[in-house]
N, C-alpha and C. Protein backbone atom coordinates (compact mmCIF):
# COMPACT_ATOMS: atom_id res chain seq x y z
N MET A 1 9.69 2.91 -17.31
CA MET A 1 9.45 3.45 -15.94
C MET A 1 10.64 2.90 -15.17
N ILE A 2 11.24 3.91 -14.17
CA ILE A 2 12.26 3.39 -13.32
C ILE A 2 11.44 2.87 -12.07
N ARG A 3 11.86 1.67 -11.47
CA ARG A 3 11.31 1.01 -10.51
C ARG A 3 11.89 1.60 -9.16
N GLN A 4 11.08 2.54 -8.76
CA GLN A 4 11.52 3.47 -7.50
C GLN A 4 11.52 2.77 -6.25
N LEU A 5 10.73 2.11 -5.95
CA LEU A 5 10.41 1.27 -4.54
C LEU A 5 10.62 -0.09 -4.77
N THR A 6 12.01 -0.61 -4.24
CA THR A 6 12.37 -1.78 -4.35
C THR A 6 12.73 -2.42 -2.97
N GLY A 7 13.24 -3.47 -2.88
CA GLY A 7 13.50 -4.34 -1.67
C GLY A 7 12.47 -4.41 -0.61
N HIS A 8 13.18 -4.98 0.56
CA HIS A 8 11.80 -5.40 1.65
C HIS A 8 12.27 -5.37 3.03
N THR A 9 11.46 -4.95 4.03
CA THR A 9 12.16 -4.79 5.32
C THR A 9 11.07 -5.29 6.29
N THR A 10 11.48 -5.50 7.60
CA THR A 10 10.41 -5.88 8.39
C THR A 10 10.46 -4.68 9.43
N LEU A 11 9.09 -3.98 10.00
CA LEU A 11 8.67 -3.30 10.87
C LEU A 11 7.62 -3.75 11.58
N ALA A 12 7.15 -2.78 12.41
CA ALA A 12 5.68 -2.75 13.00
C ALA A 12 4.85 -1.58 12.92
N PHE A 13 3.52 -1.63 13.15
CA PHE A 13 2.71 -0.51 13.45
C PHE A 13 2.72 -0.67 15.01
N ASP A 14 2.40 0.87 15.47
CA ASP A 14 2.35 1.07 17.12
C ASP A 14 0.78 0.52 17.30
N HIS A 15 0.53 0.82 18.72
CA HIS A 15 -0.99 0.36 19.22
C HIS A 15 -1.86 1.51 18.42
N THR A 16 -1.46 2.57 17.82
CA THR A 16 -2.84 3.59 17.07
C THR A 16 -2.58 3.23 15.82
N GLY A 17 -1.96 2.41 15.32
CA GLY A 17 -1.74 2.16 13.88
C GLY A 17 -0.78 2.83 13.13
N ARG A 18 0.10 3.45 13.77
CA ARG A 18 1.11 4.41 13.07
C ARG A 18 2.50 3.56 13.08
N ILE A 19 3.14 3.82 11.70
CA ILE A 19 4.46 3.34 11.28
C ILE A 19 5.27 4.69 11.59
N ALA A 20 6.19 4.64 12.44
CA ALA A 20 7.21 5.80 12.73
C ALA A 20 8.00 6.54 11.67
N LEU A 21 8.41 5.58 10.97
CA LEU A 21 9.33 5.79 9.90
C LEU A 21 9.23 4.58 8.56
N LEU A 22 8.93 5.12 7.64
CA LEU A 22 9.02 4.18 6.62
C LEU A 22 10.27 3.54 5.96
N PRO A 23 10.50 2.42 5.48
CA PRO A 23 11.85 2.00 4.86
C PRO A 23 12.51 3.36 4.21
N ALA A 24 13.69 3.35 4.34
CA ALA A 24 14.43 4.39 3.87
C ALA A 24 14.37 4.51 2.29
N MET A 25 14.05 3.32 1.68
CA MET A 25 13.89 3.06 0.30
C MET A 25 12.75 3.89 -0.38
N ALA A 26 11.82 4.27 0.57
CA ALA A 26 10.28 4.87 0.64
C ALA A 26 10.32 6.37 0.62
N ARG A 27 11.25 6.84 1.56
CA ARG A 27 11.26 8.25 1.77
C ARG A 27 11.26 9.33 1.02
N PRO A 28 12.18 9.10 0.13
CA PRO A 28 12.20 10.16 -1.14
C PRO A 28 10.94 10.24 -1.82
N PHE A 29 10.26 9.18 -2.01
CA PHE A 29 9.10 9.18 -2.62
C PHE A 29 7.87 9.44 -2.09
N LEU A 30 7.87 9.28 -0.88
CA LEU A 30 6.42 9.32 -0.03
C LEU A 30 6.39 10.53 0.85
N THR A 31 7.67 11.17 1.53
CA THR A 31 7.56 12.07 2.51
C THR A 31 6.81 13.27 2.09
N GLY A 32 5.80 13.71 2.72
CA GLY A 32 5.32 15.05 2.34
C GLY A 32 4.09 15.08 1.46
N CYS A 33 3.75 13.74 1.14
CA CYS A 33 2.66 13.64 -0.08
C CYS A 33 1.61 13.13 0.58
N ALA A 34 0.52 12.62 -0.46
CA ALA A 34 -0.53 11.66 -0.15
C ALA A 34 -0.29 10.50 -0.86
N ALA A 35 -1.20 9.42 -0.33
CA ALA A 35 -1.17 8.19 -0.83
C ALA A 35 -2.36 7.48 -0.84
N LEU A 36 -2.77 6.56 -1.71
CA LEU A 36 -3.96 5.85 -1.52
C LEU A 36 -3.69 4.50 -0.81
N CYS A 37 -4.40 4.09 0.19
CA CYS A 37 -4.21 2.83 0.91
C CYS A 37 -5.33 1.98 0.35
N VAL A 38 -5.16 0.98 -0.47
CA VAL A 38 -5.60 0.25 -0.89
C VAL A 38 -5.73 -1.42 -0.16
N TYR A 39 -6.79 -1.80 0.45
CA TYR A 39 -6.64 -3.06 1.24
C TYR A 39 -7.45 -4.13 1.08
N GLY A 40 -7.39 -5.39 1.15
CA GLY A 40 -8.18 -6.59 1.02
C GLY A 40 -8.25 -7.16 -0.27
N LEU A 41 -7.45 -6.63 -0.99
CA LEU A 41 -7.54 -7.13 -2.85
C LEU A 41 -7.03 -8.56 -2.60
N ARG A 42 -5.85 -8.97 -1.95
CA ARG A 42 -5.66 -10.28 -1.82
C ARG A 42 -5.29 -10.43 -0.43
N ARG A 43 -5.92 -10.78 0.27
CA ARG A 43 -5.78 -11.15 1.65
C ARG A 43 -4.71 -11.80 2.19
N PRO A 44 -4.15 -11.60 3.08
CA PRO A 44 -4.14 -10.35 3.64
C PRO A 44 -3.11 -9.42 3.32
N ASP A 45 -3.16 -8.12 2.58
CA ASP A 45 -2.30 -7.58 2.24
C ASP A 45 -2.88 -6.03 2.32
N LEU A 46 -1.76 -5.07 2.41
CA LEU A 46 -2.34 -3.70 2.33
C LEU A 46 -1.34 -3.15 1.32
N ARG A 47 -1.85 -2.25 0.38
CA ARG A 47 -0.92 -1.53 -0.58
C ARG A 47 -1.01 0.00 -0.19
N LEU A 48 0.06 0.61 -0.36
CA LEU A 48 0.22 2.21 -0.52
C LEU A 48 0.43 2.42 -1.93
N TYR A 49 -0.36 3.59 -2.69
CA TYR A 49 0.12 4.04 -3.63
C TYR A 49 0.30 5.47 -3.80
N PRO A 50 1.36 5.95 -4.04
CA PRO A 50 1.59 7.43 -4.10
C PRO A 50 0.80 8.11 -5.18
N VAL A 51 0.33 9.24 -4.99
CA VAL A 51 -0.52 10.10 -5.79
C VAL A 51 -0.19 9.91 -7.15
N ASP A 52 0.99 9.90 -7.67
CA ASP A 52 1.31 9.81 -9.26
C ASP A 52 0.96 8.26 -9.70
N ALA A 53 1.18 7.34 -8.85
CA ALA A 53 0.63 6.01 -9.33
C ALA A 53 -0.65 5.77 -9.22
N VAL A 54 -1.40 6.48 -8.39
CA VAL A 54 -2.71 6.52 -8.61
C VAL A 54 -3.30 7.26 -9.68
N ALA A 55 -2.70 8.13 -10.16
CA ALA A 55 -3.21 9.02 -11.31
C ALA A 55 -2.78 7.98 -12.29
N LYS A 56 -1.93 7.43 -12.79
CA LYS A 56 -1.67 6.37 -13.67
C LYS A 56 -2.66 5.50 -13.67
N ILE A 57 -3.19 4.72 -12.57
CA ILE A 57 -4.23 3.74 -12.60
C ILE A 57 -5.37 4.46 -12.99
N GLU A 58 -5.54 5.43 -12.32
CA GLU A 58 -7.09 6.26 -12.84
C GLU A 58 -7.28 6.40 -14.32
N THR A 59 -5.99 6.59 -14.87
CA THR A 59 -6.04 6.81 -16.24
C THR A 59 -6.11 5.73 -17.00
N ARG A 60 -5.71 4.50 -16.49
CA ARG A 60 -5.90 3.38 -17.22
C ARG A 60 -7.37 2.83 -17.23
N ILE A 61 -7.94 2.82 -16.01
CA ILE A 61 -9.55 2.27 -15.92
C ILE A 61 -10.18 3.49 -16.81
N ALA A 62 -9.90 4.74 -16.79
CA ALA A 62 -11.01 5.58 -17.51
C ALA A 62 -10.74 5.39 -19.20
N THR A 63 -9.77 4.60 -19.72
CA THR A 63 -9.64 4.33 -21.12
C THR A 63 -10.37 2.87 -21.24
N MET A 64 -10.93 2.22 -20.44
CA MET A 64 -11.40 1.00 -20.38
C MET A 64 -13.07 1.42 -20.81
N PRO A 65 -13.72 0.71 -21.66
CA PRO A 65 -15.09 1.05 -22.07
C PRO A 65 -15.90 0.85 -20.58
N ARG A 66 -16.76 1.85 -20.58
CA ARG A 66 -17.79 1.93 -19.44
C ARG A 66 -18.73 0.65 -19.57
N GLY A 67 -19.08 0.13 -18.28
CA GLY A 67 -20.05 -0.91 -18.20
C GLY A 67 -19.57 -2.32 -18.52
N THR A 68 -18.14 -2.55 -18.68
CA THR A 68 -17.65 -3.74 -18.94
C THR A 68 -17.37 -4.23 -17.43
N GLN A 69 -17.40 -5.81 -17.65
CA GLN A 69 -17.10 -6.36 -16.03
C GLN A 69 -15.69 -6.13 -15.71
N GLU A 70 -14.82 -5.94 -16.68
CA GLU A 70 -13.26 -5.83 -16.23
C GLU A 70 -13.04 -4.49 -15.65
N ARG A 71 -13.97 -3.37 -16.53
CA ARG A 71 -13.68 -1.93 -15.69
C ARG A 71 -14.31 -1.95 -14.26
N ALA A 72 -15.41 -2.47 -14.18
CA ALA A 72 -16.30 -2.60 -13.03
C ALA A 72 -15.42 -3.18 -11.79
N ALA A 73 -14.85 -4.01 -12.21
CA ALA A 73 -14.09 -5.00 -11.10
C ALA A 73 -13.11 -4.19 -10.65
N LEU A 74 -12.24 -3.74 -11.52
CA LEU A 74 -10.96 -2.75 -11.13
C LEU A 74 -11.69 -1.62 -10.21
N GLU A 75 -12.44 -0.89 -10.75
CA GLU A 75 -13.26 0.35 -9.83
C GLU A 75 -13.47 -0.16 -8.59
N ARG A 76 -14.17 -1.37 -8.49
CA ARG A 76 -14.59 -1.90 -7.04
C ARG A 76 -13.53 -2.24 -6.23
N ALA A 77 -12.30 -2.84 -7.09
CA ALA A 77 -11.29 -3.47 -6.14
C ALA A 77 -10.17 -2.53 -5.97
N PHE A 78 -9.92 -1.14 -6.67
CA PHE A 78 -9.03 -0.28 -6.46
C PHE A 78 -9.62 0.74 -5.68
N PHE A 79 -11.02 1.30 -5.99
CA PHE A 79 -11.52 2.38 -5.00
C PHE A 79 -12.53 2.14 -4.33
N GLY A 80 -13.24 0.77 -4.20
CA GLY A 80 -14.06 0.47 -3.38
C GLY A 80 -13.55 0.18 -1.78
N LYS A 81 -12.21 -0.35 -1.93
CA LYS A 81 -11.63 -0.62 -0.54
C LYS A 81 -10.40 0.06 -0.54
N SER A 82 -10.37 1.35 -0.33
CA SER A 82 -9.28 2.21 -0.25
C SER A 82 -9.81 3.57 0.70
N ILE A 83 -8.60 4.25 1.10
CA ILE A 83 -8.84 5.42 1.93
C ILE A 83 -7.47 6.33 1.44
N ARG A 84 -7.75 7.34 1.51
CA ARG A 84 -6.56 8.49 1.24
C ARG A 84 -5.79 9.04 2.58
N LEU A 85 -4.65 8.80 2.73
CA LEU A 85 -3.87 8.97 3.59
C LEU A 85 -2.72 10.17 3.27
N ASP A 86 -2.23 10.87 4.42
CA ASP A 86 -1.21 11.80 4.28
C ASP A 86 0.13 11.31 5.04
N PHE A 87 1.22 11.23 4.34
CA PHE A 87 2.49 11.10 5.32
C PHE A 87 2.97 12.33 5.70
N ASP A 88 3.59 12.47 7.15
CA ASP A 88 4.07 13.47 7.47
C ASP A 88 5.36 13.74 6.93
N PRO A 89 6.11 14.91 7.66
CA PRO A 89 7.33 14.98 7.16
C PRO A 89 8.62 14.15 7.69
N ASP A 90 8.10 13.41 8.56
CA ASP A 90 9.16 12.18 8.77
C ASP A 90 8.87 11.01 8.12
N ALA A 91 8.12 10.91 7.36
CA ALA A 91 7.66 9.65 6.69
C ALA A 91 6.84 8.93 7.26
N GLY A 92 6.25 9.50 8.47
CA GLY A 92 5.19 8.61 9.17
C GLY A 92 3.88 8.48 8.81
N LEU A 93 3.31 7.31 9.27
CA LEU A 93 1.76 7.33 8.37
C LEU A 93 1.02 6.63 9.48
N SER A 94 -0.17 7.05 9.35
CA SER A 94 -0.95 6.22 10.43
C SER A 94 -2.31 5.59 9.69
N ILE A 95 -2.53 4.38 9.89
CA ILE A 95 -3.47 3.68 9.08
C ILE A 95 -4.75 3.26 10.30
N PRO A 96 -6.06 3.58 10.21
CA PRO A 96 -7.14 3.08 11.01
C PRO A 96 -6.72 1.57 11.30
N LEU A 97 -7.13 1.19 12.70
CA LEU A 97 -6.76 0.08 13.13
C LEU A 97 -7.93 -0.77 12.42
N SER A 98 -9.21 -0.42 12.29
CA SER A 98 -10.04 -1.26 11.24
C SER A 98 -9.62 -1.82 9.87
N VAL A 99 -8.64 -1.01 9.37
CA VAL A 99 -7.89 -1.29 8.13
C VAL A 99 -7.00 -2.31 8.43
N LEU A 100 -6.16 -1.89 9.66
CA LEU A 100 -5.19 -3.19 9.68
C LEU A 100 -5.59 -4.41 9.99
N ALA A 101 -6.68 -4.21 10.84
CA ALA A 101 -7.37 -5.78 11.08
C ALA A 101 -8.00 -6.39 9.97
N THR A 102 -8.52 -5.78 9.07
CA THR A 102 -8.98 -6.58 7.60
C THR A 102 -7.95 -7.06 6.93
N CYS A 103 -6.79 -6.72 7.16
CA CYS A 103 -5.52 -6.92 6.46
C CYS A 103 -4.72 -8.07 7.51
N ARG A 104 -5.38 -8.32 8.57
CA ARG A 104 -4.63 -9.30 9.53
C ARG A 104 -3.04 -8.67 9.84
N LEU A 105 -3.22 -7.39 10.03
CA LEU A 105 -1.93 -6.54 10.53
C LEU A 105 -2.07 -6.21 11.88
N GLU A 106 -1.37 -6.74 12.71
CA GLU A 106 -1.58 -6.67 14.26
C GLU A 106 -0.60 -5.73 14.66
N PRO A 107 -0.85 -4.51 15.67
CA PRO A 107 -0.05 -3.66 15.99
C PRO A 107 1.02 -4.44 16.94
N GLY A 108 2.03 -3.91 16.73
CA GLY A 108 3.32 -4.60 17.38
C GLY A 108 3.76 -5.77 17.00
N ALA A 109 3.25 -6.42 16.13
CA ALA A 109 3.62 -7.64 15.48
C ALA A 109 4.63 -7.06 14.16
N PRO A 110 5.22 -8.23 13.97
CA PRO A 110 5.93 -7.88 12.81
C PRO A 110 5.45 -7.88 11.37
N VAL A 111 5.60 -7.01 10.68
CA VAL A 111 5.12 -6.91 9.25
C VAL A 111 6.24 -6.75 8.36
N VAL A 112 5.96 -7.14 7.40
CA VAL A 112 6.94 -7.12 6.20
C VAL A 112 6.35 -5.74 5.08
N CYS A 113 7.38 -4.97 5.02
CA CYS A 113 7.20 -4.02 3.78
C CYS A 113 7.81 -4.28 2.77
N GLN A 114 7.11 -4.28 1.48
CA GLN A 114 8.02 -4.64 0.29
C GLN A 114 7.82 -3.63 -0.82
N GLY A 115 8.88 -3.12 -1.43
CA GLY A 115 8.85 -2.10 -2.67
C GLY A 115 8.53 -3.14 -3.71
N LEU A 116 7.20 -2.68 -4.42
CA LEU A 116 6.73 -3.04 -5.46
C LEU A 116 6.57 -2.26 -6.81
N GLY A 117 7.78 -1.32 -7.04
CA GLY A 117 7.96 -0.59 -8.12
C GLY A 117 7.40 0.69 -7.92
N ASP A 118 6.08 0.98 -8.22
CA ASP A 118 5.52 2.37 -7.76
C ASP A 118 4.55 2.42 -6.73
N HIS A 119 4.54 1.11 -5.78
CA HIS A 119 3.83 1.26 -4.60
C HIS A 119 4.59 0.20 -3.57
N LEU A 120 3.79 0.30 -2.45
CA LEU A 120 4.48 -0.54 -1.22
C LEU A 120 3.47 -1.57 -0.75
N GLY A 121 3.82 -2.83 -0.54
CA GLY A 121 2.86 -3.87 0.08
C GLY A 121 3.32 -4.30 1.49
N PHE A 122 2.32 -4.32 2.12
CA PHE A 122 2.50 -4.74 3.67
C PHE A 122 1.63 -6.10 3.71
N TRP A 123 2.30 -7.05 4.33
CA TRP A 123 2.10 -8.26 5.06
C TRP A 123 2.51 -8.48 6.15
N PRO A 124 1.49 -9.47 7.02
CA PRO A 124 2.02 -10.14 8.31
C PRO A 124 3.16 -11.12 8.09
N GLN A 125 4.11 -10.90 8.74
CA GLN A 125 5.48 -11.58 8.34
C GLN A 125 5.33 -13.06 8.16
N ALA A 126 4.20 -13.78 9.13
CA ALA A 126 4.24 -15.23 8.64
C ALA A 126 3.47 -15.47 7.47
N GLU A 127 2.71 -14.51 6.70
CA GLU A 127 2.15 -14.84 5.62
C GLU A 127 2.56 -13.85 4.15
N TRP A 128 3.85 -13.58 4.59
CA TRP A 128 4.57 -12.92 3.36
C TRP A 128 4.87 -13.72 2.36
N PRO A 129 4.57 -13.72 1.10
CA PRO A 129 4.86 -14.54 -0.10
C PRO A 129 6.42 -14.66 -0.07
N GLY A 130 6.95 -13.96 0.32
CA GLY A 130 8.48 -14.03 0.26
C GLY A 130 9.09 -13.22 -1.20
N PRO A 131 10.47 -13.25 -1.06
CA PRO A 131 10.92 -12.45 -2.57
C PRO A 131 10.85 -13.29 -3.55
N PRO A 132 10.87 -12.93 -4.78
CA PRO A 132 11.06 -14.19 -5.71
C PRO A 132 12.03 -14.98 -6.07
N ALA A 133 11.95 -16.09 -6.36
CA ALA A 133 12.92 -17.02 -6.26
C ALA A 133 13.96 -16.73 -7.64
N THR A 134 15.09 -17.02 -7.23
CA THR A 134 16.20 -16.38 -8.19
C THR A 134 16.82 -17.85 -8.98
């Protein structure tokens, strides 16, 4: 697998929950497509998965035996706290303010966006775990 979304940058949501432009690293993979916004898994963070990454995760969950605790936990974590969003042609995105509040992401405050291979993660700047040590 090619790790498409890499690097990190600092940006901010506006007062409506919109990011005017996603980082350049993400635009080729996200512009004009849909994504699943997963939030509250490891507070405070928000994850954006493009539809192709969501399909891979759905397939992996579907191969797990029904009724197992592991499958139920993954289904609750991944689908129980998620919403579908669409990127506009300018790679802009609006996230409901209630979702941002759950992740302690405040409009106007600095937010770190980090590429995590097949998806993006967002953290309040003060709570970002930082890049891996080298």
